[in-house]
Amino acid sequence: MKSLAELKKIREEAANRMNLRAAKDGYRVAVGMATCGITAGARPVLAAFVEKVAKENLDNVIVTQVGCLGECALEPVVEVFDAEGNRTTYAKVHVEDVDKIVEEHLKGGKVVTEKTLEVIKNAK
């Protein structure tokens, strides 16, 4: 069992991660990890995003896994949410695409249009 101090530290770390989502320049990257996504190769895509974001020290980016995103034929699907609530959905994302999405979208603020399924403004 965790001590009260350890639990408090875990709580503070989780709160700090949540605060990153509210940062003006923050992003949340959600990789669809339902059965169809995993079968299409989402697991290495998720790992590539985690590694690239860590390597680039992008403290304003949170990478998460989610369940079904409803686009099974277009897996692996990745959604990028910005702090203003805009959602960009990328389809058929492969490990080779991760560097470009991180460099252009997460670091440069420019959507990678050749992989975009849709962009929805204020999707909060």
N, C-alpha and C. Protein backbone atom coordinates (compact mmCIF):
# COMPACT_ATOMS: atom_id res chain seq x y z
N MET A 1 0.84 -1.18 0.00
CA MET A 1 0.00 0.00 0.00
C MET A 1 0.89 1.25 0.00
N LYS A 2 0.42 2.26 -0.68
CA LYS A 2 1.16 3.51 -0.79
C LYS A 2 0.97 4.34 0.47
N SER A 3 1.99 5.09 0.78
CA SER A 3 1.86 6.02 1.91
C SER A 3 1.06 7.23 1.45
N LEU A 4 0.61 8.00 2.40
CA LEU A 4 -0.15 9.20 2.09
C LEU A 4 0.69 10.17 1.26
N ALA A 5 1.97 10.27 1.56
CA ALA A 5 2.87 11.16 0.80
C ALA A 5 3.02 10.70 -0.64
N GLU A 6 3.13 9.38 -0.84
CA GLU A 6 3.24 8.85 -2.21
C GLU A 6 1.96 9.11 -3.00
N LEU A 7 0.82 8.91 -2.36
CA LEU A 7 -0.45 9.16 -3.04
C LEU A 7 -0.61 10.64 -3.39
N LYS A 8 -0.17 11.52 -2.50
CA LYS A 8 -0.23 12.95 -2.76
C LYS A 8 0.64 13.32 -3.95
N LYS A 9 1.83 12.73 -4.02
CA LYS A 9 2.73 12.99 -5.14
C LYS A 9 2.12 12.53 -6.46
N ILE A 10 1.52 11.35 -6.48
CA ILE A 10 0.85 10.83 -7.68
C ILE A 10 -0.27 11.77 -8.10
N ARG A 11 -1.05 12.24 -7.13
CA ARG A 11 -2.15 13.16 -7.42
C ARG A 11 -1.64 14.45 -8.04
N GLU A 12 -0.56 15.01 -7.47
CA GLU A 12 0.01 16.26 -7.99
C GLU A 12 0.54 16.07 -9.41
N GLU A 13 1.19 14.94 -9.67
CA GLU A 13 1.71 14.68 -11.03
C GLU A 13 0.56 14.58 -12.03
N ALA A 14 -0.52 13.91 -11.64
CA ALA A 14 -1.68 13.79 -12.53
C ALA A 14 -2.31 15.15 -12.77
N ALA A 15 -2.40 15.97 -11.75
CA ALA A 15 -2.96 17.32 -11.91
C ALA A 15 -2.09 18.16 -12.84
N ASN A 16 -0.78 18.02 -12.72
CA ASN A 16 0.13 18.76 -13.61
C ASN A 16 -0.06 18.33 -15.05
N ARG A 17 -0.25 17.03 -15.27
CA ARG A 17 -0.48 16.55 -16.64
C ARG A 17 -1.79 17.10 -17.19
N MET A 18 -2.82 17.16 -16.35
CA MET A 18 -4.10 17.71 -16.78
C MET A 18 -3.97 19.19 -17.10
N ASN A 19 -3.16 19.92 -16.36
CA ASN A 19 -2.98 21.34 -16.60
C ASN A 19 -2.32 21.59 -17.94
N LEU A 20 -1.51 20.66 -18.42
CA LEU A 20 -0.89 20.83 -19.73
C LEU A 20 -1.93 20.95 -20.82
N ARG A 21 -3.05 20.26 -20.66
CA ARG A 21 -4.11 20.32 -21.66
C ARG A 21 -4.70 21.72 -21.78
N ALA A 22 -4.65 22.46 -20.69
CA ALA A 22 -5.21 23.80 -20.69
C ALA A 22 -4.19 24.85 -21.11
N ALA A 23 -2.96 24.45 -21.31
CA ALA A 23 -1.93 25.41 -21.71
C ALA A 23 -2.26 25.98 -23.07
N LYS A 24 -1.90 27.24 -23.29
CA LYS A 24 -2.23 27.92 -24.54
C LYS A 24 -1.68 27.18 -25.75
N ASP A 25 -0.51 26.61 -25.62
CA ASP A 25 0.11 25.94 -26.75
C ASP A 25 0.09 24.42 -26.60
N GLY A 26 -0.75 23.89 -25.72
CA GLY A 26 -0.76 22.46 -25.45
C GLY A 26 -1.55 21.65 -26.46
N TYR A 27 -1.17 20.38 -26.58
CA TYR A 27 -1.85 19.43 -27.45
C TYR A 27 -2.08 18.12 -26.71
N ARG A 28 -3.14 17.44 -27.12
CA ARG A 28 -3.38 16.07 -26.67
C ARG A 28 -3.48 15.21 -27.92
N VAL A 29 -2.67 14.17 -27.98
CA VAL A 29 -2.66 13.24 -29.10
C VAL A 29 -3.32 11.95 -28.63
N ALA A 30 -4.42 11.56 -29.28
CA ALA A 30 -5.15 10.36 -28.91
C ALA A 30 -5.04 9.33 -30.03
N VAL A 31 -4.46 8.18 -29.71
CA VAL A 31 -4.28 7.12 -30.70
C VAL A 31 -5.34 6.05 -30.45
N GLY A 32 -6.12 5.74 -31.47
CA GLY A 32 -7.17 4.72 -31.37
C GLY A 32 -6.56 3.34 -31.18
N MET A 33 -6.88 2.71 -30.05
CA MET A 33 -6.28 1.42 -29.72
C MET A 33 -7.34 0.33 -29.51
N ALA A 34 -8.44 0.41 -30.27
CA ALA A 34 -9.40 -0.69 -30.24
C ALA A 34 -8.80 -1.85 -31.05
N THR A 35 -9.48 -2.96 -31.10
CA THR A 35 -8.95 -4.14 -31.80
C THR A 35 -8.58 -3.82 -33.24
N CYS A 36 -9.44 -3.06 -33.93
CA CYS A 36 -9.16 -2.73 -35.33
C CYS A 36 -7.91 -1.87 -35.46
N GLY A 37 -7.72 -0.93 -34.55
CA GLY A 37 -6.53 -0.08 -34.58
C GLY A 37 -5.27 -0.86 -34.30
N ILE A 38 -5.32 -1.72 -33.30
CA ILE A 38 -4.16 -2.54 -32.96
C ILE A 38 -3.79 -3.45 -34.12
N THR A 39 -4.79 -4.05 -34.75
CA THR A 39 -4.55 -4.93 -35.89
C THR A 39 -3.92 -4.17 -37.05
N ALA A 40 -4.29 -2.91 -37.22
CA ALA A 40 -3.77 -2.09 -38.32
C ALA A 40 -2.41 -1.48 -38.01
N GLY A 41 -1.91 -1.65 -36.77
CA GLY A 41 -0.58 -1.15 -36.44
C GLY A 41 -0.54 0.04 -35.52
N ALA A 42 -1.60 0.26 -34.74
CA ALA A 42 -1.64 1.43 -33.85
C ALA A 42 -0.65 1.35 -32.69
N ARG A 43 -0.32 0.15 -32.25
CA ARG A 43 0.59 0.02 -31.11
C ARG A 43 1.97 0.63 -31.40
N PRO A 44 2.61 0.32 -32.54
CA PRO A 44 3.89 0.99 -32.83
C PRO A 44 3.74 2.49 -33.10
N VAL A 45 2.59 2.91 -33.60
CA VAL A 45 2.34 4.34 -33.82
C VAL A 45 2.29 5.06 -32.47
N LEU A 46 1.57 4.49 -31.51
CA LEU A 46 1.51 5.06 -30.17
C LEU A 46 2.91 5.15 -29.57
N ALA A 47 3.67 4.08 -29.68
CA ALA A 47 5.03 4.07 -29.14
C ALA A 47 5.90 5.13 -29.82
N ALA A 48 5.74 5.29 -31.13
CA ALA A 48 6.53 6.29 -31.86
C ALA A 48 6.19 7.71 -31.40
N PHE A 49 4.90 7.99 -31.18
CA PHE A 49 4.52 9.31 -30.67
C PHE A 49 5.11 9.54 -29.28
N VAL A 50 5.01 8.57 -28.40
CA VAL A 50 5.54 8.71 -27.05
C VAL A 50 7.05 8.98 -27.10
N GLU A 51 7.76 8.20 -27.90
CA GLU A 51 9.21 8.35 -28.01
C GLU A 51 9.60 9.70 -28.61
N LYS A 52 8.92 10.12 -29.68
CA LYS A 52 9.27 11.38 -30.35
C LYS A 52 8.97 12.58 -29.45
N VAL A 53 7.83 12.57 -28.78
CA VAL A 53 7.47 13.67 -27.89
C VAL A 53 8.47 13.75 -26.74
N ALA A 54 8.88 12.61 -26.20
CA ALA A 54 9.88 12.61 -25.12
C ALA A 54 11.24 13.08 -25.64
N LYS A 55 11.63 12.61 -26.81
CA LYS A 55 12.93 12.98 -27.39
C LYS A 55 13.01 14.48 -27.65
N GLU A 56 11.90 15.06 -28.09
CA GLU A 56 11.85 16.49 -28.40
C GLU A 56 11.55 17.35 -27.17
N ASN A 57 11.37 16.72 -26.01
CA ASN A 57 11.05 17.42 -24.76
C ASN A 57 9.83 18.33 -24.90
N LEU A 58 8.79 17.81 -25.52
CA LEU A 58 7.56 18.59 -25.72
C LEU A 58 6.67 18.44 -24.48
N ASP A 59 6.94 19.27 -23.49
CA ASP A 59 6.20 19.21 -22.23
C ASP A 59 4.75 19.64 -22.38
N ASN A 60 4.42 20.27 -23.49
CA ASN A 60 3.06 20.74 -23.71
C ASN A 60 2.22 19.74 -24.51
N VAL A 61 2.71 18.51 -24.67
CA VAL A 61 2.00 17.49 -25.44
C VAL A 61 1.76 16.27 -24.57
N ILE A 62 0.52 15.81 -24.57
CA ILE A 62 0.15 14.58 -23.87
C ILE A 62 -0.27 13.56 -24.93
N VAL A 63 0.31 12.37 -24.86
CA VAL A 63 -0.05 11.28 -25.77
C VAL A 63 -0.85 10.27 -24.96
N THR A 64 -2.05 9.94 -25.46
CA THR A 64 -2.91 8.98 -24.78
C THR A 64 -3.41 7.94 -25.76
N GLN A 65 -3.86 6.84 -25.20
CA GLN A 65 -4.53 5.84 -26.02
C GLN A 65 -6.01 5.88 -25.69
N VAL A 66 -6.82 5.67 -26.72
CA VAL A 66 -8.27 5.66 -26.54
C VAL A 66 -8.82 4.42 -27.22
N GLY A 67 -10.08 4.17 -27.01
CA GLY A 67 -10.73 3.02 -27.63
C GLY A 67 -11.12 3.33 -29.07
N CYS A 68 -12.25 2.82 -29.46
CA CYS A 68 -12.71 2.94 -30.85
C CYS A 68 -13.01 4.40 -31.20
N LEU A 69 -12.51 4.83 -32.35
CA LEU A 69 -12.79 6.17 -32.86
C LEU A 69 -13.81 6.14 -34.00
N GLY A 70 -14.30 4.94 -34.33
CA GLY A 70 -15.39 4.81 -35.29
C GLY A 70 -14.99 4.85 -36.75
N GLU A 71 -13.74 4.69 -37.05
CA GLU A 71 -13.26 4.74 -38.43
C GLU A 71 -12.40 3.51 -38.73
N CYS A 72 -12.96 2.33 -38.54
CA CYS A 72 -12.19 1.09 -38.61
C CYS A 72 -11.44 0.91 -39.94
N ALA A 73 -12.05 1.31 -41.04
CA ALA A 73 -11.41 1.13 -42.35
C ALA A 73 -10.23 2.09 -42.55
N LEU A 74 -10.11 3.10 -41.68
CA LEU A 74 -9.06 4.10 -41.84
C LEU A 74 -7.98 4.02 -40.75
N GLU A 75 -7.98 2.94 -39.99
CA GLU A 75 -7.00 2.76 -38.92
C GLU A 75 -5.60 2.58 -39.49
N PRO A 76 -4.62 2.93 -38.71
CA PRO A 76 -4.63 3.58 -37.41
C PRO A 76 -5.08 5.05 -37.52
N VAL A 77 -5.97 5.42 -36.59
CA VAL A 77 -6.51 6.78 -36.54
C VAL A 77 -5.91 7.49 -35.33
N VAL A 78 -5.51 8.75 -35.54
CA VAL A 78 -4.94 9.58 -34.48
C VAL A 78 -5.68 10.91 -34.48
N GLU A 79 -6.12 11.34 -33.30
CA GLU A 79 -6.76 12.64 -33.17
C GLU A 79 -5.84 13.56 -32.38
N VAL A 80 -5.72 14.79 -32.87
CA VAL A 80 -4.90 15.80 -32.19
C VAL A 80 -5.84 16.93 -31.77
N PHE A 81 -5.86 17.20 -30.46
CA PHE A 81 -6.68 18.26 -29.89
C PHE A 81 -5.76 19.39 -29.45
N ASP A 82 -6.12 20.63 -29.83
CA ASP A 82 -5.32 21.76 -29.34
C ASP A 82 -6.04 22.40 -28.16
N ALA A 83 -5.42 23.39 -27.55
CA ALA A 83 -5.96 24.02 -26.35
C ALA A 83 -7.26 24.77 -26.60
N GLU A 84 -7.50 25.17 -27.85
CA GLU A 84 -8.74 25.89 -28.17
C GLU A 84 -9.90 24.93 -28.43
N GLY A 85 -9.65 23.63 -28.37
CA GLY A 85 -10.72 22.66 -28.57
C GLY A 85 -10.85 22.19 -30.00
N ASN A 86 -9.94 22.56 -30.87
CA ASN A 86 -9.98 22.10 -32.26
C ASN A 86 -9.46 20.67 -32.33
N ARG A 87 -10.12 19.85 -33.13
CA ARG A 87 -9.72 18.45 -33.29
C ARG A 87 -9.34 18.19 -34.74
N THR A 88 -8.18 17.61 -34.92
CA THR A 88 -7.74 17.17 -36.24
C THR A 88 -7.66 15.66 -36.20
N THR A 89 -8.30 15.00 -37.17
CA THR A 89 -8.29 13.55 -37.23
C THR A 89 -7.40 13.12 -38.39
N TYR A 90 -6.39 12.33 -38.05
CA TYR A 90 -5.49 11.77 -39.05
C TYR A 90 -5.84 10.30 -39.27
N ALA A 91 -5.84 9.87 -40.54
CA ALA A 91 -6.19 8.50 -40.89
C ALA A 91 -5.01 7.78 -41.52
N LYS A 92 -5.01 6.46 -41.35
CA LYS A 92 -3.96 5.59 -41.89
C LYS A 92 -2.57 6.10 -41.52
N VAL A 93 -2.42 6.40 -40.24
CA VAL A 93 -1.15 6.91 -39.72
C VAL A 93 -0.22 5.73 -39.44
N HIS A 94 0.97 5.82 -39.95
CA HIS A 94 1.97 4.78 -39.72
C HIS A 94 3.19 5.39 -39.04
N VAL A 95 4.05 4.56 -38.53
CA VAL A 95 5.23 5.02 -37.80
C VAL A 95 6.00 6.06 -38.62
N GLU A 96 6.07 5.86 -39.92
CA GLU A 96 6.80 6.77 -40.80
C GLU A 96 6.19 8.17 -40.83
N ASP A 97 4.91 8.31 -40.44
CA ASP A 97 4.22 9.59 -40.46
C ASP A 97 4.40 10.39 -39.17
N VAL A 98 4.81 9.74 -38.11
CA VAL A 98 4.85 10.37 -36.79
C VAL A 98 5.79 11.57 -36.75
N ASP A 99 6.99 11.43 -37.28
CA ASP A 99 7.94 12.55 -37.25
C ASP A 99 7.35 13.80 -37.90
N LYS A 100 6.70 13.61 -39.05
CA LYS A 100 6.14 14.76 -39.77
C LYS A 100 5.01 15.40 -38.98
N ILE A 101 4.13 14.59 -38.39
CA ILE A 101 3.02 15.14 -37.60
C ILE A 101 3.57 15.90 -36.38
N VAL A 102 4.57 15.34 -35.72
CA VAL A 102 5.15 16.01 -34.56
C VAL A 102 5.82 17.32 -34.99
N GLU A 103 6.65 17.25 -36.02
CA GLU A 103 7.39 18.44 -36.44
C GLU A 103 6.46 19.53 -36.97
N GLU A 104 5.56 19.17 -37.88
CA GLU A 104 4.72 20.19 -38.52
C GLU A 104 3.53 20.62 -37.68
N HIS A 105 2.82 19.65 -37.08
CA HIS A 105 1.60 20.01 -36.36
C HIS A 105 1.89 20.37 -34.90
N LEU A 106 2.53 19.47 -34.16
CA LEU A 106 2.71 19.71 -32.73
C LEU A 106 3.75 20.79 -32.44
N LYS A 107 4.77 20.89 -33.26
CA LYS A 107 5.79 21.91 -33.04
C LYS A 107 5.53 23.16 -33.88
N GLY A 108 5.02 22.97 -35.11
CA GLY A 108 4.85 24.09 -36.02
C GLY A 108 3.45 24.65 -36.14
N GLY A 109 2.45 23.93 -35.60
CA GLY A 109 1.07 24.40 -35.65
C GLY A 109 0.39 24.26 -37.00
N LYS A 110 1.00 23.50 -37.92
CA LYS A 110 0.44 23.34 -39.27
C LYS A 110 -0.05 21.90 -39.45
N VAL A 111 -1.31 21.75 -39.82
CA VAL A 111 -1.91 20.43 -40.03
C VAL A 111 -1.25 19.75 -41.22
N VAL A 112 -0.98 18.46 -41.09
CA VAL A 112 -0.41 17.65 -42.18
C VAL A 112 -1.58 17.17 -43.03
N THR A 113 -1.88 17.91 -44.09
CA THR A 113 -3.12 17.70 -44.84
C THR A 113 -3.20 16.37 -45.59
N GLU A 114 -2.08 15.80 -45.99
CA GLU A 114 -2.17 14.55 -46.76
C GLU A 114 -2.62 13.36 -45.92
N LYS A 115 -2.65 13.50 -44.61
CA LYS A 115 -3.12 12.42 -43.73
C LYS A 115 -4.40 12.79 -43.01
N THR A 116 -4.94 13.97 -43.28
CA THR A 116 -6.08 14.48 -42.53
C THR A 116 -7.39 13.90 -43.04
N LEU A 117 -8.19 13.42 -42.09
CA LEU A 117 -9.54 12.98 -42.38
C LEU A 117 -10.49 14.17 -42.21
N GLU A 118 -10.32 14.91 -41.10
CA GLU A 118 -11.16 16.08 -40.87
C GLU A 118 -10.53 16.98 -39.82
N VAL A 119 -10.94 18.23 -39.85
CA VAL A 119 -10.57 19.21 -38.83
C VAL A 119 -11.88 19.79 -38.32
N ILE A 120 -12.10 19.72 -37.02
CA ILE A 120 -13.32 20.25 -36.43
C ILE A 120 -12.94 21.34 -35.44
N LYS A 121 -13.44 22.54 -35.67
CA LYS A 121 -13.15 23.67 -34.80
C LYS A 121 -14.01 23.58 -33.54
N ASN A 122 -13.38 23.90 -32.42
CA ASN A 122 -14.05 23.91 -31.11
C ASN A 122 -14.81 22.62 -30.83
N ALA A 123 -14.08 21.50 -30.87
CA ALA A 123 -14.69 20.18 -30.66
C ALA A 123 -14.86 19.83 -29.19
N LYS A 124 -14.59 20.76 -28.28
CA LYS A 124 -14.68 20.49 -26.83
C LYS A 124 -16.03 19.94 -26.45
